[in-house]
C-alpha atoms as a PDB file:
ATOM      1  CA  MET A   1      -0.990  27.428 -38.938  1.00  0.00           C
ATOM      2  CA  LYS A   2       1.693  29.579 -40.744  1.00  0.00           C
ATOM      3  CA  LEU A   3       5.283  29.194 -39.541  1.00  0.00           C
ATOM      4  CA  LYS A   4       8.477  31.397 -40.580  1.00  0.00           C
ATOM      5  CA  VAL A   5      11.719  29.131 -40.671  1.00  0.00           C
ATOM      6  CA  THR A   6      15.127  30.489 -41.792  1.00  0.00           C
ATOM      7  CA  VAL A   7      17.545  27.936 -43.093  1.00  0.00           C
ATOM      8  CA  ASN A   8      21.134  29.012 -44.107  1.00  0.00           C
ATOM      9  CA  GLY A   9      20.002  32.737 -43.855  1.00  0.00           C
ATOM     10  CA  THR A  10      16.987  32.055 -46.243  1.00  0.00           C
ATOM     11  CA  ALA A  11      13.519  32.720 -44.875  1.00  0.00           C
ATOM     12  CA  TYR A  12      10.652  30.290 -45.768  1.00  0.00           C
ATOM     13  CA  ALA A  13       6.886  30.725 -45.044  1.00  0.00           C
ATOM     14  CA  ILE A  14       5.576  27.264 -44.162  1.00  0.00           C
ATOM     15  CA  ASP A  15       2.085  26.125 -43.904  1.00  0.00           C
ATOM     16  CA  VAL A  16       1.895  23.549 -41.027  1.00  0.00           C
ATOM     17  CA  GLU A  17      -1.299  21.279 -40.467  1.00  0.00           C
ATOM     18  CA  VAL A  18      -1.489  20.015 -36.822  1.00  0.00           C
ATOM     19  CA  GLN A  19      -3.688  17.109 -35.908  1.00  0.00           C
ATOM     20  CA  GLU A  20      -4.531  16.868 -32.251  1.00  0.00           C
ATOM     21  CA  GLU A  21      -4.176  13.393 -30.917  1.00  0.00           C
ATOM     22  CA  GLU A  22      -6.986  11.797 -29.127  1.00  0.00           C
ATOM     23  CA  ARG A  23      -5.706  10.866 -25.675  1.00  0.00           C
ATOM     24  CA  PRO A  24      -7.239   8.180 -23.851  1.00  0.00           C
ATOM     25  CA  THR A  25      -9.267   8.972 -20.712  1.00  0.00           C
ATOM     26  CA  LEU A  26      -8.940   7.253 -17.420  1.00  0.00           C
ATOM     27  CA  GLY A  27     -11.839   5.015 -16.222  1.00  0.00           C
ATOM     28  CA  PRO A  28     -13.450   5.368 -12.977  1.00  0.00           C
ATOM     29  CA  ILE A  29     -11.098   5.143  -9.862  1.00  0.00           C
ATOM     30  CA  VAL A  30     -12.281   2.771  -7.090  1.00  0.00           C
ATOM     31  CA  ILE A  31     -10.794   2.982  -3.670  1.00  0.00           C
ATOM     32  CA  GLY A  32     -11.583   0.382  -0.985  1.00  0.00           C
ATOM     33  CA  GLY A  33     -12.885  -2.522  -3.195  1.00  0.00           C
ATOM     34  CA  SER A  34     -15.975  -3.033  -5.252  1.00  0.00           C
ATOM     35  CA  ALA A  35     -18.970  -0.946  -5.450  1.00  0.00           C
ATOM     36  CA  ALA A  36     -21.217  -4.027  -4.689  1.00  0.00           C
ATOM     37  CA  PRO A  37     -21.630  -4.596  -1.093  1.00  0.00           C
ATOM     38  CA  ALA A  38     -19.958  -7.990   0.203  1.00  0.00           C
ATOM     39  CA  ALA A  39     -22.141 -10.798   0.952  1.00  0.00           C
ATOM     40  CA  PRO A  40     -22.109 -11.955   4.555  1.00  0.00           C
ATOM     41  CA  THR A  41     -20.371 -15.202   5.186  1.00  0.00           C
ATOM     42  CA  THR A  42     -20.628 -17.784   8.142  1.00  0.00           C
ATOM     43  CA  ALA A  43     -18.036 -19.749   9.836  1.00  0.00           C
ATOM     44  CA  LYS A  44     -18.797 -23.332  10.431  1.00  0.00           C
ATOM     45  CA  MET A  45     -17.326 -24.773  13.743  1.00  0.00           C
ATOM     46  CA  PRO A  46     -18.845 -26.616  16.523  1.00  0.00           C
ATOM     47  CA  GLY A  47     -20.035 -24.546  19.501  1.00  0.00           C
ATOM     48  CA  ALA A  48     -17.852 -24.504  22.533  1.00  0.00           C
ATOM     49  CA  SER A  49     -19.451 -25.212  26.007  1.00  0.00           C
ATOM     50  CA  SER A  50     -18.616 -22.949  29.136  1.00  0.00           C
ATOM     51  CA  ASN A  51     -16.220 -25.521  30.200  1.00  0.00           C
ATOM     52  CA  ALA A  52     -14.272 -25.699  26.928  1.00  0.00           C
ATOM     53  CA  VAL A  53     -10.552 -24.407  26.469  1.00  0.00           C
ATOM     54  CA  THR A  54     -10.881 -22.522  23.035  1.00  0.00           C
ATOM     55  CA  ALA A  55      -8.280 -22.056  20.380  1.00  0.00           C
ATOM     56  CA  PRO A  56      -6.821 -18.192  20.737  1.00  0.00           C
ATOM     57  CA  LEU A  57      -5.922 -18.400  17.094  1.00  0.00           C
ATOM     58  CA  ALA A  58      -6.293 -20.339  13.772  1.00  0.00           C
ATOM     59  CA  GLY A  59      -3.845 -23.337  13.222  1.00  0.00           C
ATOM     60  CA  SER A  60      -3.764 -26.965  13.360  1.00  0.00           C
ATOM     61  CA  VAL A  61      -3.320 -29.246  16.182  1.00  0.00           C
ATOM     62  CA  ALA A  62       0.419 -30.303  16.621  1.00  0.00           C
ATOM     63  CA  ARG A  63       0.210 -32.401  19.751  1.00  0.00           C
ATOM     64  CA  ILE A  64      -2.306 -33.444  22.391  1.00  0.00           C
ATOM     65  CA  LEU A  65      -0.727 -33.856  25.718  1.00  0.00           C
ATOM     66  CA  VAL A  66      -3.567 -35.292  27.870  1.00  0.00           C
ATOM     67  CA  GLU A  67      -5.949 -38.040  27.705  1.00  0.00           C
ATOM     68  CA  GLU A  68      -9.808 -37.843  28.668  1.00  0.00           C
ATOM     69  CA  GLY A  69     -10.272 -38.471  32.461  1.00  0.00           C
ATOM     70  CA  ALA A  70      -6.928 -36.987  33.354  1.00  0.00           C
ATOM     71  CA  SER A  71      -6.600 -34.826  36.199  1.00  0.00           C
ATOM     72  CA  VAL A  72      -5.054 -31.272  35.380  1.00  0.00           C
ATOM     73  CA  GLU A  73      -3.952 -28.296  37.345  1.00  0.00           C
ATOM     74  CA  ALA A  74      -4.416 -24.603  36.451  1.00  0.00           C
ATOM     75  CA  GLY A  75      -1.583 -23.741  33.918  1.00  0.00           C
ATOM     76  CA  ASP A  76      -0.786 -27.412  32.830  1.00  0.00           C
ATOM     77  CA  VAL A  77      -0.136 -27.698  29.033  1.00  0.00           C
ATOM     78  CA  LEU A  78      -3.194 -29.522  27.531  1.00  0.00           C
ATOM     79  CA  LEU A  79      -2.029 -29.509  23.635  1.00  0.00           C
ATOM     80  CA  VAL A  80       0.047 -27.502  21.288  1.00  0.00           C
ATOM     81  CA  LEU A  81      -1.215 -25.580  18.151  1.00  0.00           C
ATOM     82  CA  GLU A  82       0.991 -24.777  15.237  1.00  0.00           C
ATOM     83  CA  ALA A  83       0.213 -21.696  12.985  1.00  0.00           C
ATOM     84  CA  MET A  84       2.798 -20.378  10.518  1.00  0.00           C
ATOM     85  CA  LYS A  85       5.641 -22.498  11.718  1.00  0.00           C
ATOM     86  CA  MET A  86       5.066 -21.197  15.170  1.00  0.00           C
ATOM     87  CA  GLU A  87       3.939 -23.433  18.188  1.00  0.00           C
ATOM     88  CA  THR A  88       1.638 -22.208  21.057  1.00  0.00           C
ATOM     89  CA  GLU A  89       0.996 -24.075  24.085  1.00  0.00           C
ATOM     90  CA  ILE A  90      -2.516 -24.245  25.241  1.00  0.00           C
ATOM     91  CA  THR A  91      -2.623 -24.484  29.081  1.00  0.00           C
ATOM     92  CA  ALA A  92      -5.644 -25.196  31.342  1.00  0.00           C
ATOM     93  CA  PRO A  93      -7.291 -22.256  32.778  1.00  0.00           C
ATOM     94  CA  LYS A  94      -8.496 -24.074  35.976  1.00  0.00           C
ATOM     95  CA  ALA A  95      -7.913 -27.441  37.760  1.00  0.00           C
ATOM     96  CA  GLY A  96     -10.128 -30.356  36.899  1.00  0.00           C
ATOM     97  CA  LYS A  97     -10.341 -33.546  34.899  1.00  0.00           C
ATOM     98  CA  VAL A  98     -10.198 -33.614  31.219  1.00  0.00           C
ATOM     99  CA  GLY A  99     -14.096 -34.398  30.199  1.00  0.00           C
ATOM    100  CA  ALA A 100     -13.582 -34.644  26.352  1.00  0.00           C
ATOM    101  CA  ILE A 101     -11.157 -34.045  23.800  1.00  0.00           C
ATOM    102  CA  LEU A 102     -12.895 -31.994  20.949  1.00  0.00           C
ATOM    103  CA  VAL A 103      -9.906 -32.383  18.358  1.00  0.00           C
ATOM    104  CA  GLY A 104      -7.411 -34.720  16.962  1.00  0.00           C
ATOM    105  CA  LYS A 105      -3.715 -34.450  16.051  1.00  0.00           C
ATOM    106  CA  GLY A 106      -3.284 -32.571  12.494  1.00  0.00           C
ATOM    107  CA  ASP A 107      -6.898 -31.116  12.776  1.00  0.00           C
ATOM    108  CA  ALA A 108      -7.246 -27.612  11.590  1.00  0.00           C
ATOM    109  CA  VAL A 109      -8.881 -25.181  13.959  1.00  0.00           C
ATOM    110  CA  GLN A 110     -10.357 -21.736  13.810  1.00  0.00           C
ATOM    111  CA  GLY A 111      -9.875 -19.073  16.557  1.00  0.00           C
ATOM    112  CA  GLY A 112     -12.758 -19.484  19.153  1.00  0.00           C
ATOM    113  CA  GLN A 113     -13.236 -23.203  18.575  1.00  0.00           C
ATOM    114  CA  GLY A 114     -13.677 -25.521  21.423  1.00  0.00           C
ATOM    115  CA  LEU A 115     -10.398 -27.829  21.900  1.00  0.00           C
ATOM    116  CA  ILE A 116     -10.867 -29.578  25.379  1.00  0.00           C
ATOM    117  CA  GLU A 117     -13.505 -29.634  27.827  1.00  0.00           C
ATOM    118  CA  ILE A 118     -12.461 -29.490  31.609  1.00  0.00           C
ATOM    119  CA  ALA A 119     -15.042 -30.818  34.088  1.00  0.00           C
ATOM    120  CA  GLU A 120     -14.669 -29.874  37.747  1.00  0.00           C
END
């Protein structure tokens, strides 16, 4: 490429060689994760009977406030779950006797896991 440059009133003709830079290209853009389908997973927890009071959320058992064989009324607090430093009281949905306590203090539980069975 020829250029004309003037310096202090004197014109100069200059040959300029321009080398084009190789610019890196971007790789493929993936939105929403990997291209491979995710493998199905299964949760392992004991099944709950129809009389079981289940955990509404994942957490750990902070306190158990009833014993097996104890009579409870609807709304009585059975146990307390702790999740993310918040405590959730789990109450009896109906009146009856505590048939079985399915968890222990400090146990980690998943949402939907049976906690306490109430027999009528």
